[in-house]
Amino acid sequence: MEEVFRALADPSRRALLDRLFAAGGQTLRQLASDMPMTRQAVAKHLAILEAANLVSVHWRGREKLHYLNPVPIGEIVKRWVGKFEDARIEALTDLKSHAETREKKSA
């Protein structure tokens, strides 16, 4: 998970992931267009994203297509965000039960 956090720490890599989320199956040339860096810099960022398993690659002939792999991000959500969500949902459920109990008592 450390590699995933390290990869997500860079705003340029997050921008690449956003572009892959919007349209998967892009080549390096497509991803490098409109980016404020060289194609070689984009390639280095993609290599880091691939090493973190955030980007998967599929070959179509001589073209290397890049796709977002959302699984590592889902694991982060499950491990780090999910435990906070559980507490929030439980608090909302308790609040609802408390409000319903008060409503029944006043009726």
PDB file of N, CA and C in Angstrom:
ATOM      1  N   MET A   1       0.811  -1.189   0.000  1.00  0.00           N
ATOM      2  CA  MET A   1       0.000   0.000   0.000  1.00  0.00           C
ATOM      3  C   MET A   1       0.864   1.267   0.000  1.00  0.00           C
ATOM      4  N   GLU A   2       2.086   1.120   0.464  1.00  0.00           N
ATOM      5  CA  GLU A   2       2.996   2.268   0.499  1.00  0.00           C
ATOM      6  C   GLU A   2       3.253   2.811  -0.905  1.00  0.00           C
ATOM      7  N   GLU A   3       3.429   1.901  -1.876  1.00  0.00           N
ATOM      8  CA  GLU A   3       3.653   2.339  -3.261  1.00  0.00           C
ATOM      9  C   GLU A   3       2.458   3.104  -3.806  1.00  0.00           C
ATOM     10  N   VAL A   4       1.265   2.687  -3.420  1.00  0.00           N
ATOM     11  CA  VAL A   4       0.050   3.351  -3.888  1.00  0.00           C
ATOM     12  C   VAL A   4      -0.001   4.774  -3.341  1.00  0.00           C
ATOM     13  N   PHE A   5       0.241   4.935  -2.044  1.00  0.00           N
ATOM     14  CA  PHE A   5       0.234   6.273  -1.456  1.00  0.00           C
ATOM     15  C   PHE A   5       1.316   7.148  -2.080  1.00  0.00           C
ATOM     16  N   ARG A   6       2.481   6.581  -2.296  1.00  0.00           N
ATOM     17  CA  ARG A   6       3.580   7.331  -2.906  1.00  0.00           C
ATOM     18  C   ARG A   6       3.195   7.769  -4.325  1.00  0.00           C
ATOM     19  N   ALA A   7       2.578   6.884  -5.059  1.00  0.00           N
ATOM     20  CA  ALA A   7       2.168   7.218  -6.430  1.00  0.00           C
ATOM     21  C   ALA A   7       1.080   8.287  -6.434  1.00  0.00           C
ATOM     22  N   LEU A   8       0.161   8.207  -5.496  1.00  0.00           N
ATOM     23  CA  LEU A   8      -0.941   9.173  -5.436  1.00  0.00           C
ATOM     24  C   LEU A   8      -0.514  10.530  -4.887  1.00  0.00           C
ATOM     25  N   ALA A   9       0.659  10.606  -4.285  1.00  0.00           N
ATOM     26  CA  ALA A   9       1.122  11.854  -3.679  1.00  0.00           C
ATOM     27  C   ALA A   9       1.436  12.936  -4.711  1.00  0.00           C
ATOM     28  N   ASP A  10       1.720  12.549  -5.931  1.00  0.00           N
ATOM     29  CA  ASP A  10       2.118  13.512  -6.956  1.00  0.00           C
ATOM     30  C   ASP A  10       0.904  13.998  -7.751  1.00  0.00           C
ATOM     31  N   PRO A  11       0.711  15.316  -7.858  1.00  0.00           N
ATOM     32  CA  PRO A  11      -0.459  15.836  -8.592  1.00  0.00           C
ATOM     33  C   PRO A  11      -0.458  15.475 -10.078  1.00  0.00           C
ATOM     34  N   SER A  12       0.707  15.340 -10.688  1.00  0.00           N
ATOM     35  CA  SER A  12       0.759  14.965 -12.108  1.00  0.00           C
ATOM     36  C   SER A  12       0.249  13.538 -12.303  1.00  0.00           C
ATOM     37  N   ARG A  13       0.604  12.656 -11.389  1.00  0.00           N
ATOM     38  CA  ARG A  13       0.124  11.266 -11.493  1.00  0.00           C
ATOM     39  C   ARG A  13      -1.376  11.200 -11.235  1.00  0.00           C
ATOM     40  N   ARG A  14      -1.858  12.003 -10.311  1.00  0.00           N
ATOM     41  CA  ARG A  14      -3.309  12.033 -10.077  1.00  0.00           C
ATOM     42  C   ARG A  14      -4.036  12.557 -11.316  1.00  0.00           C
ATOM     43  N   ALA A  15      -3.430  13.527 -11.995  1.00  0.00           N
ATOM     44  CA  ALA A  15      -4.026  14.044 -13.235  1.00  0.00           C
ATOM     45  C   ALA A  15      -4.076  12.954 -14.308  1.00  0.00           C
ATOM     46  N   LEU A  16      -3.020  12.163 -14.397  1.00  0.00           N
ATOM     47  CA  LEU A  16      -3.031  11.053 -15.356  1.00  0.00           C
ATOM     48  C   LEU A  16      -4.119  10.039 -15.016  1.00  0.00           C
ATOM     49  N   LEU A  17      -4.275   9.741 -13.733  1.00  0.00           N
ATOM     50  CA  LEU A  17      -5.337   8.811 -13.320  1.00  0.00           C
ATOM     51  C   LEU A  17      -6.714   9.378 -13.636  1.00  0.00           C
ATOM     52  N   ASP A  18      -6.884  10.683 -13.450  1.00  0.00           N
ATOM     53  CA  ASP A  18      -8.159  11.321 -13.803  1.00  0.00           C
ATOM     54  C   ASP A  18      -8.438  11.187 -15.300  1.00  0.00           C
ATOM     55  N   ARG A  19      -7.399  11.351 -16.100  1.00  0.00           N
ATOM     56  CA  ARG A  19      -7.572  11.219 -17.546  1.00  0.00           C
ATOM     57  C   ARG A  19      -7.927   9.780 -17.926  1.00  0.00           C
ATOM     58  N   LEU A  20      -7.312   8.818 -17.238  1.00  0.00           N
ATOM     59  CA  LEU A  20      -7.627   7.412 -17.526  1.00  0.00           C
ATOM     60  C   LEU A  20      -9.014   7.044 -17.013  1.00  0.00           C
ATOM     61  N   PHE A  21      -9.450   7.685 -15.946  1.00  0.00           N
ATOM     62  CA  PHE A  21     -10.814   7.451 -15.461  1.00  0.00           C
ATOM     63  C   PHE A  21     -11.826   7.948 -16.485  1.00  0.00           C
ATOM     64  N   ALA A  22     -11.544   9.112 -17.079  1.00  0.00           N
ATOM     65  CA  ALA A  22     -12.450   9.696 -18.064  1.00  0.00           C
ATOM     66  C   ALA A  22     -12.502   8.867 -19.342  1.00  0.00           C
ATOM     67  N   ALA A  23     -11.360   8.325 -19.743  1.00  0.00           N
ATOM     68  CA  ALA A  23     -11.299   7.531 -20.973  1.00  0.00           C
ATOM     69  C   ALA A  23     -10.131   6.567 -20.876  1.00  0.00           C
ATOM     70  N   GLY A  24     -10.426   5.312 -20.665  1.00  0.00           N
ATOM     71  CA  GLY A  24      -9.384   4.296 -20.588  1.00  0.00           C
ATOM     72  C   GLY A  24      -8.882   3.910 -21.962  1.00  0.00           C
ATOM     73  N   GLY A  25      -7.788   3.185 -21.986  1.00  0.00           N
ATOM     74  CA  GLY A  25      -7.251   2.692 -23.239  1.00  0.00           C
ATOM     75  C   GLY A  25      -6.512   3.746 -24.029  1.00  0.00           C
ATOM     76  N   GLN A  26      -5.798   4.629 -23.329  1.00  0.00           N
ATOM     77  CA  GLN A  26      -5.068   5.690 -24.012  1.00  0.00           C
ATOM     78  C   GLN A  26      -3.593   5.321 -24.172  1.00  0.00           C
ATOM     79  N   THR A  27      -3.034   5.782 -25.255  1.00  0.00           N
ATOM     80  CA  THR A  27      -1.609   5.577 -25.502  1.00  0.00           C
ATOM     81  C   THR A  27      -0.816   6.655 -24.772  1.00  0.00           C
ATOM     82  N   LEU A  28       0.482   6.475 -24.720  1.00  0.00           N
ATOM     83  CA  LEU A  28       1.361   7.477 -24.121  1.00  0.00           C
ATOM     84  C   LEU A  28       1.195   8.813 -24.838  1.00  0.00           C
ATOM     85  N   ARG A  29       1.139   8.773 -26.130  1.00  0.00           N
ATOM     86  CA  ARG A  29       0.989  10.015 -26.910  1.00  0.00           C
ATOM     87  C   ARG A  29      -0.304  10.739 -26.537  1.00  0.00           C
ATOM     88  N   GLN A  30      -1.395  10.002 -26.409  1.00  0.00           N
ATOM     89  CA  GLN A  30      -2.662  10.622 -26.035  1.00  0.00           C
ATOM     90  C   GLN A  30      -2.595  11.212 -24.625  1.00  0.00           C
ATOM     91  N   LEU A  31      -1.994  10.458 -23.712  1.00  0.00           N
ATOM     92  CA  LEU A  31      -1.898  10.938 -22.337  1.00  0.00           C
ATOM     93  C   LEU A  31      -0.976  12.146 -22.220  1.00  0.00           C
ATOM     94  N   ALA A  32       0.074  12.200 -23.030  1.00  0.00           N
ATOM     95  CA  ALA A  32       1.037  13.297 -22.957  1.00  0.00           C
ATOM     96  C   ALA A  32       0.502  14.583 -23.586  1.00  0.00           C
ATOM     97  N   SER A  33      -0.487  14.441 -24.479  1.00  0.00           N
ATOM     98  CA  SER A  33      -1.033  15.652 -25.099  1.00  0.00           C
ATOM     99  C   SER A  33      -1.732  16.487 -24.019  1.00  0.00           C
ATOM    100  N   ASP A  34      -1.539  17.768 -24.082  1.00  0.00           N
ATOM    101  CA  ASP A  34      -2.131  18.717 -23.132  1.00  0.00           C
ATOM    102  C   ASP A  34      -1.572  18.608 -21.723  1.00  0.00           C
ATOM    103  N   MET A  35      -0.523  17.836 -21.520  1.00  0.00           N
ATOM    104  CA  MET A  35       0.115  17.778 -20.201  1.00  0.00           C
ATOM    105  C   MET A  35       1.279  18.774 -20.211  1.00  0.00           C
ATOM    106  N   PRO A  36       1.500  19.459 -19.111  1.00  0.00           N
ATOM    107  CA  PRO A  36       2.574  20.457 -19.063  1.00  0.00           C
ATOM    108  C   PRO A  36       3.953  19.841 -18.796  1.00  0.00           C
ATOM    109  N   MET A  37       4.240  18.743 -19.494  1.00  0.00           N
ATOM    110  CA  MET A  37       5.544  18.076 -19.333  1.00  0.00           C
ATOM    111  C   MET A  37       5.847  17.295 -20.600  1.00  0.00           C
ATOM    112  N   THR A  38       7.062  16.822 -20.707  1.00  0.00           N
ATOM    113  CA  THR A  38       7.468  16.065 -21.883  1.00  0.00           C
ATOM    114  C   THR A  38       6.848  14.670 -21.876  1.00  0.00           C
ATOM    115  N   ARG A  39       6.877  14.062 -23.035  1.00  0.00           N
ATOM    116  CA  ARG A  39       6.364  12.697 -23.140  1.00  0.00           C
ATOM    117  C   ARG A  39       7.184  11.737 -22.289  1.00  0.00           C
ATOM    118  N   GLN A  40       8.482  11.977 -22.175  1.00  0.00           N
ATOM    119  CA  GLN A  40       9.344  11.136 -21.355  1.00  0.00           C
ATOM    120  C   GLN A  40       8.972  11.250 -19.878  1.00  0.00           C
ATOM    121  N   ALA A  41       8.627  12.451 -19.438  1.00  0.00           N
ATOM    122  CA  ALA A  41       8.205  12.638 -18.045  1.00  0.00           C
ATOM    123  C   ALA A  41       6.894  11.910 -17.786  1.00  0.00           C
ATOM    124  N   VAL A  42       5.976  11.966 -18.732  1.00  0.00           N
ATOM    125  CA  VAL A  42       4.706  11.246 -18.594  1.00  0.00           C
ATOM    126  C   VAL A  42       4.978   9.748 -18.523  1.00  0.00           C
ATOM    127  N   ALA A  43       5.905   9.261 -19.338  1.00  0.00           N
ATOM    128  CA  ALA A  43       6.257   7.836 -19.325  1.00  0.00           C
ATOM    129  C   ALA A  43       6.802   7.422 -17.959  1.00  0.00           C
ATOM    130  N   LYS A  44       7.620   8.271 -17.346  1.00  0.00           N
ATOM    131  CA  LYS A  44       8.150   7.961 -16.017  1.00  0.00           C
ATOM    132  C   LYS A  44       7.035   7.917 -14.976  1.00  0.00           C
ATOM    133  N   HIS A  45       6.110   8.861 -15.059  1.00  0.00           N
ATOM    134  CA  HIS A  45       4.977   8.858 -14.134  1.00  0.00           C
ATOM    135  C   HIS A  45       4.116   7.603 -14.332  1.00  0.00           C
ATOM    136  N   LEU A  46       3.910   7.224 -15.586  1.00  0.00           N
ATOM    137  CA  LEU A  46       3.125   6.013 -15.864  1.00  0.00           C
ATOM    138  C   LEU A  46       3.823   4.771 -15.318  1.00  0.00           C
ATOM    139  N   ALA A  47       5.137   4.733 -15.394  1.00  0.00           N
ATOM    140  CA  ALA A  47       5.887   3.588 -14.854  1.00  0.00           C
ATOM    141  C   ALA A  47       5.678   3.475 -13.343  1.00  0.00           C
ATOM    142  N   ILE A  48       5.649   4.589 -12.655  1.00  0.00           N
ATOM    143  CA  ILE A  48       5.404   4.578 -11.209  1.00  0.00           C
ATOM    144  C   ILE A  48       3.979   4.116 -10.916  1.00  0.00           C
ATOM    145  N   LEU A  49       3.030   4.581 -11.717  1.00  0.00           N
ATOM    146  CA  LEU A  49       1.631   4.156 -11.541  1.00  0.00           C
ATOM    147  C   LEU A  49       1.466   2.666 -11.841  1.00  0.00           C
ATOM    148  N   GLU A  50       2.177   2.165 -12.829  1.00  0.00           N
ATOM    149  CA  GLU A  50       2.143   0.735 -13.144  1.00  0.00           C
ATOM    150  C   GLU A  50       2.744  -0.078 -12.001  1.00  0.00           C
ATOM    151  N   ALA A  51       3.866   0.383 -11.449  1.00  0.00           N
ATOM    152  CA  ALA A  51       4.512  -0.331 -10.344  1.00  0.00           C
ATOM    153  C   ALA A  51       3.614  -0.385  -9.113  1.00  0.00           C
ATOM    154  N   ALA A  52       2.788   0.637  -8.933  1.00  0.00           N
ATOM    155  CA  ALA A  52       1.848   0.671  -7.815  1.00  0.00           C
ATOM    156  C   ALA A  52       0.551  -0.067  -8.152  1.00  0.00           C
ATOM    157  N   ASN A  53       0.466  -0.638  -9.349  1.00  0.00           N
ATOM    158  CA  ASN A  53      -0.700  -1.381  -9.820  1.00  0.00           C
ATOM    159  C   ASN A  53      -1.938  -0.491  -9.981  1.00  0.00           C
ATOM    160  N   LEU A  54      -1.725   0.808 -10.168  1.00  0.00           N
ATOM    161  CA  LEU A  54      -2.840   1.729 -10.385  1.00  0.00           C
ATOM    162  C   LEU A  54      -3.189   1.852 -11.864  1.00  0.00           C
ATOM    163  N   VAL A  55      -2.266   1.411 -12.712  1.00  0.00           N
ATOM    164  CA  VAL A  55      -2.480   1.436 -14.156  1.00  0.00           C
ATOM    165  C   VAL A  55      -2.146   0.058 -14.699  1.00  0.00           C
ATOM    166  N   SER A  56      -3.046  -0.461 -15.510  1.00  0.00           N
ATOM    167  CA  SER A  56      -2.753  -1.721 -16.192  1.00  0.00           C
ATOM    168  C   SER A  56      -2.513  -1.419 -17.670  1.00  0.00           C
ATOM    169  N   VAL A  57      -1.736  -2.269 -18.290  1.00  0.00           N
ATOM    170  CA  VAL A  57      -1.328  -2.055 -19.675  1.00  0.00           C
ATOM    171  C   VAL A  57      -1.778  -3.237 -20.516  1.00  0.00           C
ATOM    172  N   HIS A  58      -2.290  -2.918 -21.683  1.00  0.00           N
ATOM    173  CA  HIS A  58      -2.676  -3.946 -22.655  1.00  0.00           C
ATOM    174  C   HIS A  58      -2.097  -3.535 -23.998  1.00  0.00           C
ATOM    175  N   TRP A  59      -1.560  -4.505 -24.695  1.00  0.00           N
ATOM    176  CA  TRP A  59      -0.976  -4.237 -25.997  1.00  0.00           C
ATOM    177  C   TRP A  59      -1.999  -4.525 -27.090  1.00  0.00           C
ATOM    178  N   ARG A  60      -2.106  -3.598 -28.037  1.00  0.00           N
ATOM    179  CA  ARG A  60      -2.924  -3.781 -29.229  1.00  0.00           C
ATOM    180  C   ARG A  60      -1.986  -3.561 -30.407  1.00  0.00           C
ATOM    181  N   GLY A  61      -1.461  -4.664 -30.899  1.00  0.00           N
ATOM    182  CA  GLY A  61      -0.434  -4.563 -31.931  1.00  0.00           C
ATOM    183  C   GLY A  61       0.806  -3.933 -31.341  1.00  0.00           C
ATOM    184  N   ARG A  62       1.223  -2.816 -31.903  1.00  0.00           N
ATOM    185  CA  ARG A  62       2.391  -2.103 -31.392  1.00  0.00           C
ATOM    186  C   ARG A  62       2.024  -1.001 -30.406  1.00  0.00           C
ATOM    187  N   GLU A  63       0.725  -0.809 -30.195  1.00  0.00           N
ATOM    188  CA  GLU A  63       0.267   0.246 -29.285  1.00  0.00           C
ATOM    189  C   GLU A  63       0.128  -0.283 -27.857  1.00  0.00           C
ATOM    190  N   LYS A  64       0.631   0.486 -26.940  1.00  0.00           N
ATOM    191  CA  LYS A  64       0.521   0.161 -25.521  1.00  0.00           C
ATOM    192  C   LYS A  64      -0.606   1.017 -24.945  1.00  0.00           C
ATOM    193  N   LEU A  65      -1.676   0.359 -24.550  1.00  0.00           N
ATOM    194  CA  LEU A  65      -2.844   1.067 -24.030  1.00  0.00           C
ATOM    195  C   LEU A  65      -2.844   1.022 -22.506  1.00  0.00           C
ATOM    196  N   HIS A  66      -3.154   2.148 -21.901  1.00  0.00           N
ATOM    197  CA  HIS A  66      -3.148   2.273 -20.448  1.00  0.00           C
ATOM    198  C   HIS A  66      -4.579   2.375 -19.927  1.00  0.00           C
ATOM    199  N   TYR A  67      -4.848   1.659 -18.850  1.00  0.00           N
ATOM    200  CA  TYR A  67      -6.166   1.658 -18.217  1.00  0.00           C
ATOM    201  C   TYR A  67      -6.010   1.884 -16.718  1.00  0.00           C
ATOM    202  N   LEU A  68      -6.973   2.558 -16.148  1.00  0.00           N
ATOM    203  CA  LEU A  68      -7.005   2.742 -14.703  1.00  0.00           C
ATOM    204  C   LEU A  68      -7.366   1.422 -14.037  1.00  0.00           C
ATOM    205  N   ASN A  69      -6.639   1.058 -12.996  1.00  0.00           N
ATOM    206  CA  ASN A  69      -6.979  -0.101 -12.180  1.00  0.00           C
ATOM    207  C   ASN A  69      -7.468   0.435 -10.838  1.00  0.00           C
ATOM    208  N   PRO A  70      -8.776   0.423 -10.585  1.00  0.00           N
ATOM    209  CA  PRO A  70      -9.313   1.022  -9.364  1.00  0.00           C
ATOM    210  C   PRO A  70      -9.180   0.151  -8.116  1.00  0.00           C
ATOM    211  N   VAL A  71      -8.719  -1.071  -8.247  1.00  0.00           N
ATOM    212  CA  VAL A  71      -8.664  -1.996  -7.104  1.00  0.00           C
ATOM    213  C   VAL A  71      -7.814  -1.461  -5.953  1.00  0.00           C
ATOM    214  N   PRO A  72      -6.573  -0.980  -6.193  1.00  0.00           N
ATOM    215  CA  PRO A  72      -5.787  -0.474  -5.059  1.00  0.00           C
ATOM    216  C   PRO A  72      -6.451   0.710  -4.350  1.00  0.00           C
ATOM    217  N   ILE A  73      -7.127   1.560  -5.101  1.00  0.00           N
ATOM    218  CA  ILE A  73      -7.829   2.693  -4.484  1.00  0.00           C
ATOM    219  C   ILE A  73      -9.002   2.184  -3.656  1.00  0.00           C
ATOM    220  N   GLY A  74      -9.689   1.169  -4.149  1.00  0.00           N
ATOM    221  CA  GLY A  74     -10.778   0.552  -3.389  1.00  0.00           C
ATOM    222  C   GLY A  74     -10.280  -0.053  -2.087  1.00  0.00           C
ATOM    223  N   GLU A  75      -9.083  -0.642  -2.124  1.00  0.00           N
ATOM    224  CA  GLU A  75      -8.513  -1.209  -0.902  1.00  0.00           C
ATOM    225  C   GLU A  75      -8.190  -0.119   0.114  1.00  0.00           C
ATOM    226  N   ILE A  76      -7.723   1.028  -0.376  1.00  0.00           N
ATOM    227  CA  ILE A  76      -7.465   2.161   0.522  1.00  0.00           C
ATOM    228  C   ILE A  76      -8.769   2.636   1.149  1.00  0.00           C
ATOM    229  N   VAL A  77      -9.784   2.759   0.331  1.00  0.00           N
ATOM    230  CA  VAL A  77     -11.080   3.202   0.846  1.00  0.00           C
ATOM    231  C   VAL A  77     -11.584   2.224   1.895  1.00  0.00           C
ATOM    232  N   LYS A  78     -11.480   0.946   1.595  1.00  0.00           N
ATOM    233  CA  LYS A  78     -11.970  -0.072   2.530  1.00  0.00           C
ATOM    234  C   LYS A  78     -11.200  -0.025   3.842  1.00  0.00           C
ATOM    235  N   ARG A  79      -9.881   0.112   3.755  1.00  0.00           N
ATOM    236  CA  ARG A  79      -9.059   0.074   4.971  1.00  0.00           C
ATOM    237  C   ARG A  79      -9.078   1.382   5.748  1.00  0.00           C
ATOM    238  N   TRP A  80      -8.941   2.512   5.054  1.00  0.00           N
ATOM    239  CA  TRP A  80      -8.755   3.784   5.745  1.00  0.00           C
ATOM    240  C   TRP A  80     -10.032   4.608   5.865  1.00  0.00           C
ATOM    241  N   VAL A  81     -10.877   4.588   4.865  1.00  0.00           N
ATOM    242  CA  VAL A  81     -12.085   5.405   4.906  1.00  0.00           C
ATOM    243  C   VAL A  81     -13.253   4.600   5.467  1.00  0.00           C
ATOM    244  N   GLY A  82     -13.294   3.328   5.129  1.00  0.00           N
ATOM    245  CA  GLY A  82     -14.412   2.483   5.536  1.00  0.00           C
ATOM    246  C   GLY A  82     -14.641   2.432   7.030  1.00  0.00           C
ATOM    247  N   LYS A  83     -13.575   2.369   7.796  1.00  0.00           N
ATOM    248  CA  LYS A  83     -13.762   2.274   9.246  1.00  0.00           C
ATOM    249  C   LYS A  83     -14.373   3.552   9.815  1.00  0.00           C
ATOM    250  N   PHE A  84     -14.116   4.688   9.182  1.00  0.00           N
ATOM    251  CA  PHE A  84     -14.734   5.933   9.628  1.00  0.00           C
ATOM    252  C   PHE A  84     -16.186   6.009   9.169  1.00  0.00           C
ATOM    253  N   GLU A  85     -16.464   5.458   7.995  1.00  0.00           N
ATOM    254  CA  GLU A  85     -17.830   5.423   7.493  1.00  0.00           C
ATOM    255  C   GLU A  85     -18.712   4.564   8.385  1.00  0.00           C
ATOM    256  N   ASP A  86     -18.199   3.426   8.843  1.00  0.00           N
ATOM    257  CA  ASP A  86     -18.973   2.550   9.714  1.00  0.00           C
ATOM    258  C   ASP A  86     -19.417   3.283  10.969  1.00  0.00           C
ATOM    259  N   ALA A  87     -18.515   4.046  11.567  1.00  0.00           N
ATOM    260  CA  ALA A  87     -18.847   4.795  12.784  1.00  0.00           C
ATOM    261  C   ALA A  87     -19.893   5.862  12.486  1.00  0.00           C
ATOM    262  N   ARG A  88     -19.774   6.515  11.346  1.00  0.00           N
ATOM    263  CA  ARG A  88     -20.735   7.554  10.973  1.00  0.00           C
ATOM    264  C   ARG A  88     -22.113   6.960  10.718  1.00  0.00           C
ATOM    265  N   ILE A  89     -22.166   5.834  10.035  1.00  0.00           N
ATOM    266  CA  ILE A  89     -23.448   5.182   9.761  1.00  0.00           C
ATOM    267  C   ILE A  89     -24.093   4.718  11.058  1.00  0.00           C
ATOM    268  N   GLU A  90     -23.283   4.177  11.958  1.00  0.00           N
ATOM    269  CA  GLU A  90     -23.804   3.745  13.254  1.00  0.00           C
ATOM    270  C   GLU A  90     -24.356   4.936  14.036  1.00  0.00           C
ATOM    271  N   ALA A  91     -23.668   6.065  14.002  1.00  0.00           N
ATOM    272  CA  ALA A  91     -24.143   7.270  14.695  1.00  0.00           C
ATOM    273  C   ALA A  91     -25.453   7.760  14.104  1.00  0.00           C
ATOM    274  N   LEU A  92     -25.573   7.736  12.781  1.00  0.00           N
ATOM    275  CA  LEU A  92     -26.821   8.147  12.142  1.00  0.00           C
ATOM    276  C   LEU A  92     -27.965   7.195  12.473  1.00  0.00           C
ATOM    277  N   THR A  93     -27.675   5.907  12.532  1.00  0.00           N
ATOM    278  CA  THR A  93     -28.693   4.923  12.903  1.00  0.00           C
ATOM    279  C   THR A  93     -29.162   5.152  14.336  1.00  0.00           C
ATOM    280  N   ASP A  94     -28.211   5.416  15.235  1.00  0.00           N
ATOM    281  CA  ASP A  94     -28.563   5.707  16.628  1.00  0.00           C
ATOM    282  C   ASP A  94     -29.407   6.970  16.723  1.00  0.00           C
ATOM    283  N   LEU A  95     -29.041   7.999  15.970  1.00  0.00           N
ATOM    284  CA  LEU A  95     -29.797   9.249  15.969  1.00  0.00           C
ATOM    285  C   LEU A  95     -31.223   9.021  15.480  1.00  0.00           C
ATOM    286  N   LYS A  96     -31.366   8.239  14.426  1.00  0.00           N
ATOM    287  CA  LYS A  96     -32.696   7.930  13.884  1.00  0.00           C
ATOM    288  C   LYS A  96     -33.519   7.172  14.912  1.00  0.00           C
ATOM    289  N   SER A  97     -32.921   6.183  15.550  1.00  0.00           N
ATOM    290  CA  SER A  97     -33.643   5.408  16.572  1.00  0.00           C
ATOM    291  C   SER A  97     -34.056   6.299  17.733  1.00  0.00           C
ATOM    292  N   HIS A  98     -33.160   7.177  18.160  1.00  0.00           N
ATOM    293  CA  HIS A  98     -33.456   8.087  19.253  1.00  0.00           C
ATOM    294  C   HIS A  98     -34.611   9.015  18.879  1.00  0.00           C
ATOM    295  N   ALA A  99     -34.585   9.552  17.652  1.00  0.00           N
ATOM    296  CA  ALA A  99     -35.649  10.447  17.203  1.00  0.00           C
ATOM    297  C   ALA A  99     -36.981   9.711  17.111  1.00  0.00           C
ATOM    298  N   GLU A 100     -36.980   8.486  16.626  1.00  0.00           N
ATOM    299  CA  GLU A 100     -38.216   7.712  16.528  1.00  0.00           C
ATOM    300  C   GLU A 100     -38.769   7.383  17.906  1.00  0.00           C
ATOM    301  N   THR A 101     -37.875   7.082  18.862  1.00  0.00           N
ATOM    302  CA  THR A 101     -38.298   6.784  20.232  1.00  0.00           C
ATOM    303  C   THR A 101     -38.938   8.014  20.856  1.00  0.00           C
ATOM    304  N   ARG A 102     -38.339   9.186  20.679  1.00  0.00           N
ATOM    305  CA  ARG A 102     -38.909  10.426  21.206  1.00  0.00           C
ATOM    306  C   ARG A 102     -40.242  10.737  20.570  1.00  0.00           C
ATOM    307  N   GLU A 103     -40.374  10.441  19.262  1.00  0.00           N
ATOM    308  CA  GLU A 103     -41.618  10.693  18.540  1.00  0.00           C
ATOM    309  C   GLU A 103     -42.730   9.806  19.089  1.00  0.00           C
ATOM    310  N   LYS A 104     -42.431   8.543  19.371  1.00  0.00           N
ATOM    311  CA  LYS A 104     -43.430   7.617  19.896  1.00  0.00           C
ATOM    312  C   LYS A 104     -43.871   8.031  21.306  1.00  0.00           C
ATOM    313  N   LYS A 105     -42.942   8.515  22.118  1.00  0.00           N
ATOM    314  CA  LYS A 105     -43.256   8.931  23.473  1.00  0.00           C
ATOM    315  C   LYS A 105     -44.160  10.156  23.492  1.00  0.00           C
ATOM    316  N   SER A 106     -43.968  11.065  22.531  1.00  0.00           N
ATOM    317  CA  SER A 106     -44.763  12.304  22.518  1.00  0.00           C
ATOM    318  C   SER A 106     -46.109  12.088  21.840  1.00  0.00           C
ATOM    319  N   ALA A 107     -46.308  10.980  21.172  1.00  0.00           N
ATOM    320  CA  ALA A 107     -47.571  10.722  20.474  1.00  0.00           C
ATOM    321  C   ALA A 107     -48.631  10.157  21.379  1.00  0.00           C
TER     322      ALA A 107
END
